[in-house]
Amino acid sequence: MIASPLEAHLVDRIAAALTGVDVLFDPELLPAPRYPSDHRGVDGFRRDAAGEARWNEMLGRAEALFGIPGDSAAGLQVTISRAPALRWVHGTTAGAGELVSAAQLAPADLARVIFTTSAGVHGGMLAEFTFYGLLALRKDAQRLERIRAERGWDHFAMEELDGSTIAVVGMGSIGEAVAIRARAFGMHVIGVARTAQPNPAADETVAIDAATEAYQRADAIVVTLPGTEATRHLIDRATIEAFKPSAVFVNVGRGMVVDQAALVDALVSGAIRGAVLDVFSPEPLPPDNPLWTLPNVVLSPHTAALSVRENQRIVELFCDNLRRFAVGEPMRNVINVSEFY
C-alpha cells in the first residue's frame, strides 16, 4: 500500500518490480505534496467518511507499506493499529527510526513488523550542502556580497579547503559521501566511528570515544549521526571547547546530537569560526533563536536533503527491498527496535 504522496509513474515502477504484487494506491486518499518528493503533504488534509472507510479497508489488506502516513509518529501509531496483516513499513527518511521510537508501539507490533529506512538516499545532497556551507565561510561569501553591493574592488586573500583537515563524525552513507567529496577538494579526512576500523573513504579512522585529539586537529567537523539516546549531546560543551578557533562545525545529522546552547555560545564569542547547520533542537527553530541572525552561520530549515530526484531513489531502494521481502532475504536498512537506528 502506498501510504504517502508518490508520483503515479513511480507507483507503476513498484508494481512492475515483482510479479504478482498487488499495489494498493488511491491518490485521492492522500494529501497533495507541498513540493517535489514531499511525504507529509499539505496541512489540513482530511478524508471524508467514504474515503476513510476505503483507506481503512486498504490498510486491513496491506502487508507492506510505502511511507508513513503524515510522516509522523502519530500517523504510524494509528496505522499499525488498523493494519493486522502488516509485516513491513518502509520510512521515506533516513531517520525513520525516530518516528518508530516516538510512536511507542507495543512489543508485539515491534516483533511482527519490520521497519526500514531510506538511509543512503540522501547522502549526496547532504554532502553538497556541507561543502556549500564550508565554501561560503572559507571564501567569505558575506564579504563578497558587501563588495558587490558597494561596487567595490577590494582584494583579500581567500582561504582554501585544499590541504585542510576534516573530521567526519559518523561514517555511514552520509559520512562516506562527505568524505569522498572532501578528498576531491584535497582535504585530509579523519573518519570518526564507533571503532577505529579503517574505512577506505577516510585517510585515518578514530573511535568516537577517543576523538578529542582529532577534533583538535580538524579545520572542519561534520556530524552525520542519527538522533538516538546514545547520541544525545554527544557533541557537548567540552567537545566544542576542544575545537580550534578556526574550525567550522557542520551538522547534517540530527539536532539533538549537539549541545545547541554551547554551540551558540562558541559562535557568539568567536571561539570557533562558524557553523553550517541543517538540523536543530527543537525544530522548527524558534524565531528568537540567535542562530537565525549570527553572521558566521549558514543554515537550512532541514531541507538540505530534499531533491526532485528523491522519490526516484527511494523507490529504487524500496523495490530492491520488496524483492528481498518476498523471498525472505535479509532486507536493507532494517531499524534496530532496541536502539531505533
Protein backbone atom coordinates (compact mmCIF):
# COMPACT_ATOMS: atom_id res chain seq x y z
CA MET A 1 0.00 0.00 0.00
CA ILE A 2 1.24 3.47 -0.93
CA ALA A 3 0.72 5.46 2.28
CA SER A 4 2.37 8.78 1.43
CA PRO A 5 2.27 11.04 -1.65
CA LEU A 6 4.01 9.47 -4.63
CA GLU A 7 4.01 10.08 -8.37
CA ALA A 8 1.89 7.64 -10.39
CA HIS A 9 4.76 6.59 -12.67
CA LEU A 10 6.78 5.58 -9.61
CA VAL A 11 3.84 3.57 -8.30
CA ASP A 12 3.86 1.78 -11.66
CA ARG A 13 7.56 1.04 -11.18
CA ILE A 14 6.80 -0.61 -7.84
CA ALA A 15 4.00 -2.65 -9.44
CA ALA A 16 6.39 -3.83 -12.14
CA ALA A 17 9.18 -4.71 -9.73
CA LEU A 18 7.73 -8.05 -8.66
CA THR A 19 5.43 -10.46 -10.45
CA GLY A 20 2.11 -10.88 -8.68
CA VAL A 21 2.41 -7.92 -6.35
CA ASP A 22 -0.88 -6.09 -5.73
CA VAL A 23 -0.26 -2.38 -5.21
CA LEU A 24 -2.97 -0.51 -3.29
CA PHE A 25 -2.91 3.14 -4.36
CA ASP A 26 -5.59 5.80 -4.41
CA PRO A 27 -4.14 9.31 -4.81
CA GLU A 28 -7.46 10.86 -3.77
CA LEU A 29 -6.94 9.39 -0.29
CA LEU A 30 -3.53 11.04 0.06
CA PRO A 31 -2.71 14.72 0.67
CA ALA A 32 -1.24 16.70 -2.20
CA PRO A 33 2.53 17.19 -1.87
CA ARG A 34 3.70 20.68 -0.95
CA TYR A 35 6.82 20.36 -3.11
CA PRO A 36 8.51 17.60 -5.17
CA SER A 37 9.18 14.47 -3.10
CA ASP A 38 7.16 15.73 -0.11
CA HIS A 39 6.00 12.83 2.05
CA ARG A 40 3.76 14.66 4.53
CA GLY A 41 1.52 16.62 2.21
CA VAL A 42 -0.48 19.80 2.61
CA ASP A 43 -1.70 20.81 6.06
CA GLY A 44 -5.34 20.31 6.93
CA PHE A 45 -5.96 17.33 4.64
CA ARG A 46 -8.94 15.22 5.68
CA ARG A 47 -10.68 12.25 4.06
CA ASP A 48 -14.47 12.19 4.04
CA ALA A 49 -16.32 9.25 5.61
CA ALA A 50 -16.32 7.22 2.41
CA GLY A 51 -12.62 7.94 1.86
CA GLU A 52 -11.75 6.96 5.42
CA ALA A 53 -13.63 3.70 5.02
CA ARG A 54 -11.74 2.97 1.80
CA TRP A 55 -8.44 3.88 3.45
CA ASN A 56 -9.08 1.54 6.37
CA GLU A 57 -10.14 -1.25 4.00
CA MET A 58 -6.82 -0.88 2.19
CA LEU A 59 -4.92 -0.86 5.48
CA GLY A 60 -6.67 -4.03 6.52
CA ARG A 61 -5.29 -5.81 3.44
CA ALA A 62 -1.81 -4.31 3.38
CA GLU A 63 1.20 -6.48 4.13
CA ALA A 64 3.76 -3.80 3.26
CA LEU A 65 3.58 -0.02 3.45
CA PHE A 66 5.48 2.53 1.38
CA GLY A 67 5.75 5.61 3.59
CA ILE A 68 4.35 6.58 6.96
CA PRO A 69 1.03 8.47 6.85
CA GLY A 70 1.58 12.10 7.73
CA ASP A 71 5.28 11.34 8.07
CA SER A 72 4.61 11.35 11.80
CA ALA A 73 4.73 9.12 14.87
CA ALA A 74 1.00 9.65 15.41
CA GLY A 75 0.29 8.57 11.85
CA LEU A 76 2.36 5.43 12.32
CA GLN A 77 0.69 4.57 15.61
CA VAL A 78 -2.81 4.77 14.15
CA THR A 79 -1.79 2.90 11.02
CA ILE A 80 -0.30 -0.05 12.89
CA SER A 81 -3.48 -0.41 14.96
CA ARG A 82 -5.60 -0.64 11.79
CA ALA A 83 -3.37 -2.99 9.78
CA PRO A 84 -3.44 -6.50 11.28
CA ALA A 85 -1.81 -8.08 8.21
CA LEU A 86 1.06 -5.59 8.10
CA ARG A 87 4.56 -7.08 8.16
CA TRP A 88 6.77 -4.29 6.78
CA VAL A 89 6.83 -0.48 6.84
CA HIS A 90 9.33 1.49 4.77
CA GLY A 91 10.05 5.01 6.01
CA THR A 92 10.94 7.63 3.43
CA THR A 93 13.57 9.30 5.63
CA ALA A 94 16.96 8.13 6.80
CA GLY A 95 15.90 8.89 10.38
CA ALA A 96 12.63 6.92 10.35
CA GLY A 97 13.77 5.16 13.50
CA GLU A 98 12.93 8.31 15.44
CA LEU A 99 9.30 8.08 14.30
CA VAL A 100 9.12 4.40 15.22
CA SER A 101 10.52 5.18 18.67
CA ALA A 102 8.17 8.13 19.20
CA ALA A 103 5.14 6.05 18.17
CA GLN A 104 5.64 3.94 21.33
CA LEU A 105 4.38 0.78 19.66
CA ALA A 106 3.56 -2.33 21.64
CA PRO A 107 6.28 -5.00 21.81
CA ALA A 108 4.04 -7.35 19.81
CA ASP A 109 3.81 -4.81 16.99
CA LEU A 110 7.56 -4.25 17.00
CA ALA A 111 8.00 -8.01 16.74
CA ARG A 112 5.56 -8.58 13.86
CA VAL A 113 6.51 -5.58 11.68
CA ILE A 114 9.87 -4.95 10.01
CA PHE A 115 10.73 -1.26 9.77
CA THR A 116 13.19 0.01 7.18
CA THR A 117 14.59 3.45 6.37
CA SER A 118 15.74 5.31 3.28
CA ALA A 119 19.30 5.65 4.55
CA GLY A 120 21.74 6.15 1.71
CA VAL A 121 19.31 8.04 -0.49
CA HIS A 122 20.17 11.50 0.85
CA GLY A 123 23.94 11.31 1.25
CA GLY A 124 24.86 13.16 -1.92
CA MET A 125 22.54 16.09 -1.24
CA LEU A 126 23.73 16.48 2.36
CA ALA A 127 27.35 16.29 1.27
CA GLU A 128 26.73 19.02 -1.31
CA PHE A 129 25.14 21.23 1.36
CA THR A 130 28.13 20.61 3.63
CA PHE A 131 30.51 21.98 1.03
CA TYR A 132 28.16 24.78 0.04
CA GLY A 133 28.45 25.99 3.63
CA LEU A 134 32.16 25.34 4.03
CA LEU A 135 32.95 27.23 0.84
CA ALA A 136 30.65 30.12 1.79
CA LEU A 137 32.51 30.56 5.08
CA ARG A 138 36.04 29.86 3.80
CA LYS A 139 35.65 32.18 0.81
CA ASP A 140 33.80 34.79 2.92
CA ALA A 141 30.64 34.99 0.82
CA GLN A 142 29.25 37.78 3.01
CA ARG A 143 32.29 39.95 2.33
CA LEU A 144 31.94 39.32 -1.39
CA GLU A 145 28.28 40.36 -1.25
CA ARG A 146 29.24 43.60 0.54
CA ILE A 147 31.86 44.33 -2.12
CA ARG A 148 29.27 43.72 -4.80
CA ALA A 149 26.68 45.93 -3.10
CA GLU A 150 29.22 48.75 -2.75
CA ARG A 151 30.61 48.27 -6.29
CA GLY A 152 33.97 47.94 -4.57
CA TRP A 153 37.16 46.35 -5.79
CA ASP A 154 38.83 45.34 -2.51
CA HIS A 155 41.28 42.48 -2.77
CA PHE A 156 41.72 39.96 0.04
CA ALA A 157 43.37 36.58 0.40
CA MET A 158 40.85 33.74 0.35
CA GLU A 159 41.17 30.58 2.39
CA GLU A 160 41.41 27.12 0.83
CA LEU A 161 39.88 23.74 1.56
CA ASP A 162 42.85 22.07 -0.14
CA GLY A 163 45.34 20.87 2.45
CA SER A 164 42.98 21.28 5.40
CA THR A 165 41.68 18.54 7.70
CA ILE A 166 38.08 17.41 8.08
CA ALA A 167 36.70 15.14 10.82
CA VAL A 168 33.58 13.29 9.69
CA VAL A 169 31.61 12.07 12.69
CA GLY A 170 29.65 9.02 11.59
CA MET A 171 30.93 7.06 8.60
CA GLY A 172 27.65 5.72 7.28
CA SER A 173 26.35 6.55 3.82
CA ILE A 174 26.19 10.31 4.51
CA GLY A 175 29.61 10.39 6.13
CA GLU A 176 31.17 8.49 3.26
CA ALA A 177 29.56 10.86 0.74
CA VAL A 178 31.09 13.80 2.63
CA ALA A 179 34.48 12.07 2.83
CA ILE A 180 34.58 11.30 -0.90
CA ARG A 181 33.89 14.94 -1.78
CA ALA A 182 36.37 16.17 0.82
CA ARG A 183 39.12 14.16 -0.82
CA ALA A 184 38.19 15.70 -4.18
CA PHE A 185 38.86 19.10 -2.56
CA GLY A 186 42.27 17.86 -1.39
CA MET A 187 41.30 17.59 2.28
CA HIS A 188 42.73 15.12 4.78
CA VAL A 189 39.81 13.02 6.07
CA ILE A 190 39.57 11.69 9.61
CA GLY A 191 36.68 9.26 9.96
CA VAL A 192 35.15 9.20 13.45
CA ALA A 193 33.19 6.00 14.01
CA ARG A 194 32.20 3.54 16.73
CA THR A 195 35.51 1.76 16.28
CA ALA A 196 38.84 2.68 14.72
CA GLN A 197 38.41 0.09 11.96
CA PRO A 198 39.86 1.56 8.73
CA ASN A 199 37.42 2.94 6.18
CA PRO A 200 38.56 3.28 2.55
CA ALA A 201 36.80 6.66 2.29
CA ALA A 202 38.98 8.13 5.07
CA ASP A 203 42.72 8.74 5.40
CA GLU A 204 42.55 7.66 9.02
CA THR A 205 39.83 6.47 11.39
CA VAL A 206 39.46 7.01 15.15
CA ALA A 207 36.95 5.66 17.64
CA ILE A 208 34.28 8.14 18.64
CA ASP A 209 35.08 7.79 22.35
CA ALA A 210 38.70 8.79 21.68
CA ALA A 211 38.16 11.55 19.12
CA THR A 212 39.20 14.64 21.09
CA GLU A 213 42.65 14.80 19.51
CA ALA A 214 41.08 14.50 16.05
CA TYR A 215 38.69 17.38 16.82
CA GLN A 216 41.63 19.50 17.97
CA ARG A 217 43.34 18.96 14.60
CA ALA A 218 40.30 19.44 12.40
CA ASP A 219 39.58 22.57 10.37
CA ALA A 220 36.04 21.28 9.83
CA ILE A 221 33.97 18.89 11.95
CA VAL A 222 30.97 17.34 10.20
CA VAL A 223 28.31 15.46 12.18
CA THR A 224 26.18 12.95 10.24
CA LEU A 225 24.83 10.91 13.17
CA PRO A 226 21.20 9.90 13.76
CA GLY A 227 19.28 11.07 16.80
CA THR A 228 19.16 8.37 19.47
CA GLU A 229 19.55 8.30 23.23
CA ALA A 230 23.11 7.09 22.66
CA THR A 231 23.98 10.16 20.54
CA ARG A 232 22.14 12.84 22.55
CA HIS A 233 24.58 15.72 23.19
CA LEU A 234 27.48 13.57 22.06
CA ILE A 235 28.96 16.87 20.89
CA ASP A 236 28.78 18.56 24.27
CA ARG A 237 30.24 21.78 25.62
CA ALA A 238 33.59 20.17 26.47
CA THR A 239 33.87 18.76 22.96
CA ILE A 240 33.09 22.12 21.35
CA GLU A 241 35.68 23.76 23.57
CA ALA A 242 38.26 21.36 22.09
CA PHE A 243 37.68 22.76 18.58
CA LYS A 244 40.30 25.20 17.38
CA PRO A 245 39.25 28.83 16.80
CA SER A 246 39.45 28.49 13.02
CA ALA A 247 37.20 25.43 12.94
CA VAL A 248 33.86 25.29 11.15
CA PHE A 249 31.23 22.99 12.65
CA VAL A 250 28.71 21.26 10.37
CA ASN A 251 25.63 19.29 11.40
CA VAL A 252 23.64 17.38 8.77
CA GLY A 253 22.65 14.58 11.16
CA ARG A 254 20.23 15.44 13.93
CA GLY A 255 20.00 18.49 16.18
CA MET A 256 19.85 16.53 19.42
CA VAL A 257 23.40 15.23 18.85
CA VAL A 258 24.76 18.70 19.70
CA ASP A 259 24.52 20.86 22.81
CA GLN A 260 23.00 23.73 20.84
CA ALA A 261 23.34 26.29 23.64
CA ALA A 262 27.06 25.55 23.89
CA LEU A 263 27.38 25.85 20.12
CA VAL A 264 25.66 29.24 20.15
CA ASP A 265 27.99 30.43 22.90
CA ALA A 266 31.03 29.38 20.86
CA LEU A 267 29.72 31.13 17.75
CA VAL A 268 28.85 34.35 19.58
CA SER A 269 32.17 34.53 21.41
CA GLY A 270 34.22 33.67 18.33
CA ALA A 271 35.60 30.54 19.97
CA ILE A 272 35.02 28.82 16.61
CA ARG A 273 34.94 30.25 13.10
CA GLY A 274 31.41 29.33 12.12
CA ALA A 275 28.75 26.69 11.63
CA VAL A 276 26.81 25.09 8.79
CA LEU A 277 23.51 23.70 10.07
CA ASP A 278 20.63 21.79 8.52
CA VAL A 279 19.21 20.42 11.77
CA PHE A 280 18.32 21.95 15.12
CA SER A 281 16.82 21.27 18.53
CA PRO A 282 13.95 21.94 18.61
CA GLU A 283 12.51 22.06 15.11
CA PRO A 284 11.22 24.34 13.78
CA LEU A 285 13.93 26.60 15.16
CA PRO A 286 12.20 29.28 17.32
CA PRO A 287 12.13 32.73 15.66
CA ASP A 288 14.07 34.32 18.53
CA ASN A 289 16.95 31.82 18.39
CA PRO A 290 20.25 33.67 17.72
CA LEU A 291 21.26 31.14 15.07
CA TRP A 292 18.91 32.94 12.67
CA THR A 293 20.96 36.14 12.76
CA LEU A 294 24.55 35.14 13.55
CA PRO A 295 26.72 36.23 10.61
CA ASN A 296 29.02 33.21 10.93
CA VAL A 297 26.21 30.66 10.44
CA VAL A 298 24.97 29.12 7.20
CA LEU A 299 21.66 27.39 7.82
CA SER A 300 18.88 25.48 6.09
CA PRO A 301 15.45 24.71 7.63
CA HIS A 302 16.11 20.95 7.49
CA THR A 303 15.68 20.98 3.72
CA ALA A 304 19.21 20.20 2.53
CA ALA A 305 18.47 16.52 1.85
CA LEU A 306 15.44 17.18 -0.34
CA SER A 307 15.71 16.75 -4.09
CA VAL A 308 13.44 16.45 -7.10
CA ARG A 309 15.09 13.04 -7.61
CA GLU A 310 14.50 11.85 -4.04
CA ASN A 311 11.36 9.79 -4.69
CA GLN A 312 13.01 8.05 -7.62
CA ARG A 313 15.92 6.99 -5.40
CA ILE A 314 13.63 5.90 -2.56
CA VAL A 315 11.55 3.77 -4.93
CA GLU A 316 14.68 2.08 -6.28
CA LEU A 317 15.64 1.13 -2.72
CA PHE A 318 12.08 0.07 -1.92
CA CYS A 319 11.84 -2.17 -5.00
CA ASP A 320 15.05 -3.96 -4.03
CA ASN A 321 13.71 -4.49 -0.52
CA LEU A 322 10.34 -5.60 -1.91
CA ARG A 323 12.06 -8.43 -3.76
CA ARG A 324 14.01 -9.34 -0.63
CA PHE A 325 10.85 -9.24 1.48
CA ALA A 326 9.01 -11.54 -0.94
CA VAL A 327 11.69 -14.23 -0.94
CA GLY A 328 12.76 -13.94 2.69
CA GLU A 329 16.22 -12.47 2.09
CA PRO A 330 17.82 -10.04 4.58
CA MET A 331 16.49 -6.56 3.91
CA ARG A 332 18.46 -3.30 3.67
CA ASN A 333 18.27 -0.55 6.29
CA VAL A 334 16.32 -2.52 8.89
CA ILE A 335 15.72 -0.48 12.04
CA ASN A 336 17.05 -1.94 15.29
CA VAL A 337 13.97 -1.61 17.51
CA SER A 338 16.09 -1.56 20.65
CA GLU A 339 18.18 1.47 19.63
CA PHE A 340 15.71 2.68 16.91
CA TYR A 341 18.54 3.15 14.44
